[in-house]
């Protein structure tokens, strides 16, 4: 669709993004790495999704809330206009991710119960290191044959979020026992828990992991995922190289902007990743390098970025320092 064909609302949003990118055009970057404004131009994150990342990555560890004017301040390094930020927040509220409390002339936004549950669930995946070895255990989901087609499709889609593959019309599998817990939580949330029988079982075939991996590759399409990981590594590795040379001398705004974009893009790819144990993946699987890059870069950026957040917002209704789960991210910060 061309700009001329777009609706007035779409053209307005596009103009807001263009103004925002122009406002961020002076954003620098670490010596030896591309300017962060260039990274913004490449990724072009949507305002609503980016604000969700800020809530999950920076605000959840200190209570999951923020004054609207402070949130708008945090979005400025991304070139987001106040109008675009407000619109995105209102949409998150309409979708029941955020709740608002009016106090005088100001508004305080925090995660709803649904939002908190979803963000905590996502955090378990985003900030965890992947399973390396495979213990031979499987999660198996048997769907009720009484399910209507629409319900089955909804359930299969939900199961896909946790990495399950459909190997039959009523059978889903995943080579990890811990995924059954994740699927149980999701099917309960969508009201279909009574339509799914979840089992955990042991592989009795005595096949080596490499052979099992070949079988697994038939059910999970990994080529497009591998391409995403390679692009991710190529995009963020220059920042890790540059910042490794001057750790401890990173500006707060620079660290916050880069950390947010790092997690925003990493999370986007993880949503497409079935989370298979590394032992079942090809030896040169690019996801290995991607998670190590994310871990190492996040460890460099964590403290200066979080200090920038704490210095930029009012803490009268929040914690003065992140909770312990923050410091446990990626195996320990």
Protein backbone atom coordinates (compact mmCIF):
# COMPACT_ATOMS: atom_id res chain seq x y z
CA UNK A 1 0.00 0.00 0.00
CA UNK A 2 1.42 3.39 -1.00
CA UNK A 3 1.25 6.49 1.26
CA UNK A 4 -1.39 7.93 -1.05
CA UNK A 5 -3.53 4.81 -0.66
CA UNK A 6 -3.13 4.73 3.14
CA UNK A 7 -5.87 5.90 5.46
CA UNK A 8 -5.57 9.35 7.12
CA UNK A 9 -4.83 7.62 10.45
CA UNK A 10 -2.06 5.52 8.91
CA UNK A 11 -0.55 8.55 7.17
CA UNK A 12 -0.65 10.43 10.48
CA UNK A 13 1.12 7.62 12.32
CA UNK A 14 3.73 7.47 9.56
CA UNK A 15 4.39 11.21 9.86
CA UNK A 16 4.76 10.84 13.63
CA UNK A 17 7.33 8.07 13.15
CA UNK A 18 9.24 10.14 10.60
CA UNK A 19 9.32 13.13 12.96
CA UNK A 20 10.46 10.83 15.75
CA UNK A 21 13.29 9.39 13.67
CA UNK A 22 14.38 12.90 12.77
CA UNK A 23 14.40 13.83 16.46
CA UNK A 24 16.58 10.81 17.22
CA UNK A 25 18.93 11.42 14.32
CA UNK A 26 21.54 12.90 16.65
CA UNK A 27 21.65 9.78 18.82
CA UNK A 28 25.22 8.55 18.95
CA UNK A 29 26.70 5.16 19.46
CA UNK A 30 29.79 3.60 20.96
CA UNK A 31 33.02 4.28 19.10
CA UNK A 32 33.59 1.61 16.47
CA UNK A 33 29.89 0.71 16.19
CA UNK A 34 27.03 2.14 14.11
CA UNK A 35 25.06 5.05 15.56
CA UNK A 36 22.05 3.94 17.57
CA UNK A 37 19.87 6.12 15.33
CA UNK A 38 20.94 3.88 12.45
CA UNK A 39 19.86 0.82 14.45
CA UNK A 40 16.49 2.48 15.04
CA UNK A 41 16.09 3.06 11.32
CA UNK A 42 16.86 -0.60 10.63
CA UNK A 43 14.54 -2.05 13.26
CA UNK A 44 11.71 0.51 13.05
CA UNK A 45 10.04 -0.76 16.25
CA UNK A 46 6.34 -0.02 16.63
CA UNK A 47 5.52 2.32 19.49
CA UNK A 48 3.07 -0.02 21.22
CA UNK A 49 5.46 -2.99 21.14
CA UNK A 50 8.42 -0.87 22.20
CA UNK A 51 6.58 0.51 25.23
CA UNK A 52 5.62 -3.06 26.13
CA UNK A 53 9.33 -3.92 26.04
CA UNK A 54 10.13 -0.99 28.34
CA UNK A 55 7.51 -2.20 30.82
CA UNK A 56 8.79 -5.78 30.75
CA UNK A 57 12.51 -5.07 30.74
CA UNK A 58 12.93 -1.91 32.82
CA UNK A 59 9.76 -1.31 34.84
CA UNK A 60 8.67 -4.80 35.89
CA UNK A 61 11.67 -5.22 38.26
CA UNK A 62 10.77 -2.00 40.13
CA UNK A 63 7.03 -2.56 40.50
CA UNK A 64 5.62 -2.52 36.96
CA UNK A 65 4.28 1.03 36.98
CA UNK A 66 5.17 4.57 35.92
CA UNK A 67 3.76 8.08 35.68
CA UNK A 68 2.72 8.86 32.11
CA UNK A 69 4.93 11.94 31.83
CA UNK A 70 7.93 9.86 32.94
CA UNK A 71 7.13 7.14 30.41
CA UNK A 72 6.98 9.76 27.67
CA UNK A 73 10.41 10.95 28.81
CA UNK A 74 11.78 7.40 28.53
CA UNK A 75 10.51 7.07 24.96
CA UNK A 76 12.27 10.20 23.70
CA UNK A 77 15.64 8.52 23.03
CA UNK A 78 13.79 6.32 20.52
CA UNK A 79 12.56 9.34 18.61
CA UNK A 80 8.97 8.75 19.73
CA UNK A 81 6.77 11.84 19.82
CA UNK A 82 4.57 12.52 22.84
CA UNK A 83 1.46 12.03 20.73
CA UNK A 84 2.62 8.63 19.49
CA UNK A 85 3.60 7.53 23.01
CA UNK A 86 0.23 8.54 24.44
CA UNK A 87 -1.64 6.73 21.67
CA UNK A 88 0.39 3.56 22.25
CA UNK A 89 -0.25 3.67 26.01
CA UNK A 90 -3.98 4.14 25.50
CA UNK A 91 -4.04 1.13 23.17
CA UNK A 92 -2.20 -1.01 25.71
CA UNK A 93 -4.81 0.05 28.25
CA UNK A 94 -7.65 -0.79 25.85
CA UNK A 95 -6.09 -4.24 25.35
CA UNK A 96 -6.05 -4.80 29.14
CA UNK A 97 -2.26 -4.80 29.42
CA UNK A 98 -2.18 -1.59 31.46
CA UNK A 99 -4.46 0.09 33.98
CA UNK A 100 -4.57 3.81 34.70
CA UNK A 101 -5.09 5.74 37.92
CA UNK A 102 -5.77 9.46 37.74
CA UNK A 103 -4.20 11.44 40.59
CA UNK A 104 -4.73 15.16 40.29
CA UNK A 105 -3.58 16.19 36.84
CA UNK A 106 -1.33 13.18 36.37
CA UNK A 107 -1.92 9.56 35.39
CA UNK A 108 -0.12 6.54 36.80
CA UNK A 109 -0.03 3.41 34.62
CA UNK A 110 0.77 -0.06 35.83
CA UNK A 111 0.51 -3.60 34.51
CA UNK A 112 -2.88 -5.25 34.93
CA UNK A 113 -3.12 -8.72 36.43
CA UNK A 114 -3.24 -10.12 32.90
CA UNK A 115 -0.29 -8.00 31.84
CA UNK A 116 1.76 -8.94 34.89
CA UNK A 117 1.09 -12.64 34.36
CA UNK A 118 2.04 -12.45 30.69
CA UNK A 119 5.21 -10.46 31.31
CA UNK A 120 6.39 -12.77 34.10
CA UNK A 121 5.72 -15.75 31.85
CA UNK A 122 7.68 -14.18 29.00
CA UNK A 123 10.55 -13.22 31.30
CA UNK A 124 11.13 -16.87 32.16
CA UNK A 125 11.98 -17.46 28.51
CA UNK A 126 13.68 -14.20 27.56
CA UNK A 127 16.19 -14.03 30.40
CA UNK A 128 16.91 -17.75 30.75
CA UNK A 129 19.81 -19.54 29.14
CA UNK A 130 18.61 -22.34 26.83
CA UNK A 131 18.77 -26.01 27.67
CA UNK A 132 22.01 -27.44 26.35
CA UNK A 133 21.72 -31.16 26.97
CA UNK A 134 18.66 -33.26 26.27
CA UNK A 135 17.46 -35.69 28.93
CA UNK A 136 15.35 -37.68 26.49
CA UNK A 137 12.06 -36.41 27.90
CA UNK A 138 9.11 -35.19 25.85
CA UNK A 139 6.00 -33.14 26.47
CA UNK A 140 2.96 -34.55 24.67
CA UNK A 141 -0.43 -32.89 24.27
CA UNK A 142 -3.44 -34.90 23.12
CA UNK A 143 -6.32 -32.71 21.95
CA UNK A 144 -9.93 -33.72 22.49
CA UNK A 145 -11.54 -35.04 19.29
CA UNK A 146 -14.67 -33.11 20.29
CA UNK A 147 -12.94 -29.78 19.70
CA UNK A 148 -14.54 -27.60 17.05
CA UNK A 149 -12.19 -26.63 14.21
CA UNK A 150 -11.97 -23.02 15.38
CA UNK A 151 -11.12 -24.09 18.93
CA UNK A 152 -8.54 -26.57 17.69
CA UNK A 153 -6.89 -23.94 15.52
CA UNK A 154 -6.80 -21.52 18.45
CA UNK A 155 -5.27 -24.18 20.68
CA UNK A 156 -2.65 -25.22 18.12
CA UNK A 157 -1.70 -21.57 17.65
CA UNK A 158 -1.39 -21.11 21.42
CA UNK A 159 0.70 -24.27 21.67
CA UNK A 160 2.95 -22.91 18.95
CA UNK A 161 3.83 -20.00 21.22
CA UNK A 162 5.47 -22.51 23.56
CA UNK A 163 7.22 -24.35 20.74
CA UNK A 164 4.93 -27.37 20.30
CA UNK A 165 4.68 -28.90 16.84
CA UNK A 166 1.58 -30.63 15.48
CA UNK A 167 2.44 -34.15 14.30
CA UNK A 168 -1.19 -35.12 13.79
CA UNK A 169 -4.59 -33.50 13.95
CA UNK A 170 -4.91 -34.17 17.66
CA UNK A 171 -1.29 -34.63 18.74
CA UNK A 172 1.33 -32.02 19.70
CA UNK A 173 4.88 -32.71 20.86
CA UNK A 174 7.93 -30.91 22.24
CA UNK A 175 11.30 -32.46 23.21
CA UNK A 176 11.40 -30.88 26.66
CA UNK A 177 9.44 -31.86 29.75
CA UNK A 178 9.36 -28.32 31.11
CA UNK A 179 7.27 -27.10 28.18
CA UNK A 180 4.22 -28.95 29.48
CA UNK A 181 4.02 -26.43 32.34
CA UNK A 182 4.14 -23.53 29.90
CA UNK A 183 1.42 -25.04 27.72
CA UNK A 184 -0.76 -25.82 30.72
CA UNK A 185 -0.67 -22.16 31.72
CA UNK A 186 -1.57 -20.96 28.23
CA UNK A 187 -4.46 -23.35 27.57
CA UNK A 188 -5.84 -22.45 30.99
CA UNK A 189 -5.70 -18.75 30.08
CA UNK A 190 -7.69 -19.33 26.87
CA UNK A 191 -10.24 -21.53 28.65
CA UNK A 192 -9.45 -24.83 26.94
CA UNK A 193 -7.61 -26.68 29.72
CA UNK A 194 -10.27 -29.38 29.88
CA UNK A 195 -9.81 -30.12 26.19
CA UNK A 196 -6.14 -31.11 26.43
CA UNK A 197 -4.46 -34.12 28.00
CA UNK A 198 -0.85 -33.27 28.85
CA UNK A 199 1.71 -36.03 29.26
CA UNK A 200 5.42 -36.21 29.94
CA UNK A 201 7.35 -39.19 28.65
CA UNK A 202 10.82 -40.64 28.22
CA UNK A 203 12.37 -41.42 24.85
CA UNK A 204 12.92 -45.19 24.73
CA UNK A 205 14.32 -45.42 21.22
CA UNK A 206 17.98 -45.20 22.32
CA UNK A 207 18.69 -42.98 19.31
CA UNK A 208 21.62 -40.54 19.69
CA UNK A 209 20.62 -36.86 20.06
CA UNK A 210 21.95 -36.08 16.58
CA UNK A 211 19.59 -38.62 15.01
CA UNK A 212 16.69 -37.37 17.10
CA UNK A 213 17.61 -33.89 15.91
CA UNK A 214 17.22 -34.99 12.30
CA UNK A 215 13.74 -36.28 13.08
CA UNK A 216 12.90 -33.11 14.99
CA UNK A 217 13.89 -31.00 11.97
CA UNK A 218 10.99 -32.54 10.04
CA UNK A 219 8.45 -31.03 12.41
CA UNK A 220 10.03 -27.64 13.08
CA UNK A 221 11.00 -25.30 10.25
CA UNK A 222 14.35 -23.89 11.37
CA UNK A 223 15.83 -22.32 8.22
CA UNK A 224 13.98 -19.00 8.48
CA UNK A 225 14.67 -18.88 12.23
CA UNK A 226 18.39 -19.43 11.62
CA UNK A 227 18.39 -16.51 9.17
CA UNK A 228 16.81 -14.24 11.79
CA UNK A 229 19.45 -15.20 14.33
CA UNK A 230 22.29 -14.55 11.87
CA UNK A 231 20.87 -11.12 11.09
CA UNK A 232 20.50 -10.41 14.82
CA UNK A 233 24.14 -11.33 15.51
CA UNK A 234 25.41 -9.25 12.58
CA UNK A 235 23.38 -6.29 13.79
CA UNK A 236 24.35 -6.29 17.48
CA UNK A 237 27.84 -7.80 17.54
CA UNK A 238 29.55 -4.48 16.63
CA UNK A 239 28.03 -2.94 19.78
CA UNK A 240 29.34 -5.75 21.97
CA UNK A 241 32.81 -5.35 20.49
CA UNK A 242 32.81 -1.59 20.97
CA UNK A 243 31.34 -1.59 24.47
CA UNK A 244 33.57 -4.39 25.72
CA UNK A 245 36.48 -2.01 25.24
CA UNK A 246 34.96 0.66 27.45
CA UNK A 247 32.72 -1.11 29.98
CA UNK A 248 31.97 1.18 32.91
CA UNK A 249 32.15 4.28 30.71
CA UNK A 250 28.79 3.96 28.99
CA UNK A 251 26.29 6.80 29.07
CA UNK A 252 23.00 6.01 30.78
CA UNK A 253 20.71 7.08 27.95
CA UNK A 254 22.85 5.25 25.42
CA UNK A 255 22.81 2.10 27.56
CA UNK A 256 19.05 2.26 28.11
CA UNK A 257 18.28 2.78 24.42
CA UNK A 258 20.55 -0.02 23.27
CA UNK A 259 19.45 -2.46 25.99
CA UNK A 260 15.80 -1.89 25.15
CA UNK A 261 16.37 -2.42 21.42
CA UNK A 262 18.46 -5.52 22.15
CA UNK A 263 15.72 -7.17 24.21
CA UNK A 264 12.97 -5.92 21.90
CA UNK A 265 14.56 -7.63 18.89
CA UNK A 266 15.68 -10.72 20.82
CA UNK A 267 12.16 -11.22 22.17
CA UNK A 268 10.70 -10.85 18.68
CA UNK A 269 12.86 -13.73 17.45
CA UNK A 270 12.21 -15.86 20.54
CA UNK A 271 8.49 -15.74 19.77
CA UNK A 272 9.31 -17.72 16.62
CA UNK A 273 11.79 -20.07 18.35
CA UNK A 274 10.36 -23.41 19.57
CA UNK A 275 12.99 -23.57 22.31
CA UNK A 276 14.47 -26.93 21.39
CA UNK A 277 17.41 -28.20 23.49
CA UNK A 278 20.68 -27.18 21.86
CA UNK A 279 21.77 -30.84 21.74
CA UNK A 280 19.03 -31.47 19.16
CA UNK A 281 20.01 -28.55 16.93
CA UNK A 282 22.74 -28.37 14.27
CA UNK A 283 26.23 -27.89 15.68
CA UNK A 284 26.58 -24.50 13.97
CA UNK A 285 23.15 -23.33 15.11
CA UNK A 286 23.29 -19.48 15.12
CA UNK A 287 20.93 -19.28 18.08
CA UNK A 288 23.84 -20.34 20.30
CA UNK A 289 25.85 -17.27 19.35
CA UNK A 290 22.77 -15.05 19.58
CA UNK A 291 21.96 -15.96 23.17
CA UNK A 292 25.59 -15.57 24.29
CA UNK A 293 25.80 -12.20 22.55
CA UNK A 294 22.58 -11.09 24.22
CA UNK A 295 23.80 -12.27 27.61
CA UNK A 296 27.18 -10.55 27.33
CA UNK A 297 25.84 -7.28 25.94
CA UNK A 298 23.00 -7.19 28.48
CA UNK A 299 25.46 -7.63 31.34
CA UNK A 300 27.41 -4.59 30.16
CA UNK A 301 24.30 -2.45 29.70
CA UNK A 302 22.23 -3.60 32.69
CA UNK A 303 23.49 -1.30 35.46
CA UNK A 304 23.91 1.99 33.55
CA UNK A 305 20.59 1.49 31.77
CA UNK A 306 18.67 0.76 34.96
CA UNK A 307 20.32 3.67 36.77
CA UNK A 308 19.20 5.92 33.92
CA UNK A 309 15.62 4.71 34.38
CA UNK A 310 15.71 5.26 38.15
CA UNK A 311 17.13 8.75 37.68
CA UNK A 312 14.52 9.65 35.03
CA UNK A 313 11.29 8.79 36.87
CA UNK A 314 9.52 9.48 40.14
CA UNK A 315 9.88 6.53 42.50
CA UNK A 316 7.19 7.53 45.02
CA UNK A 317 5.07 4.48 44.09
CA UNK A 318 7.87 2.18 42.97
CA UNK A 319 10.90 0.36 44.33
CA UNK A 320 14.14 2.29 44.71
CA UNK A 321 16.11 -0.63 43.27
CA UNK A 322 15.27 -3.65 41.11
CA UNK A 323 14.15 -6.87 42.77
CA UNK A 324 16.31 -9.97 42.93
CA UNK A 325 14.86 -11.45 39.73
CA UNK A 326 16.50 -8.63 37.78
CA UNK A 327 19.97 -9.59 38.99
CA UNK A 328 19.31 -13.26 38.15
CA UNK A 329 18.74 -12.53 34.45
CA UNK A 330 20.90 -14.49 32.00
CA UNK A 331 22.40 -16.58 34.76
CA UNK A 332 23.37 -13.59 36.90
CA UNK A 333 24.29 -9.97 36.22
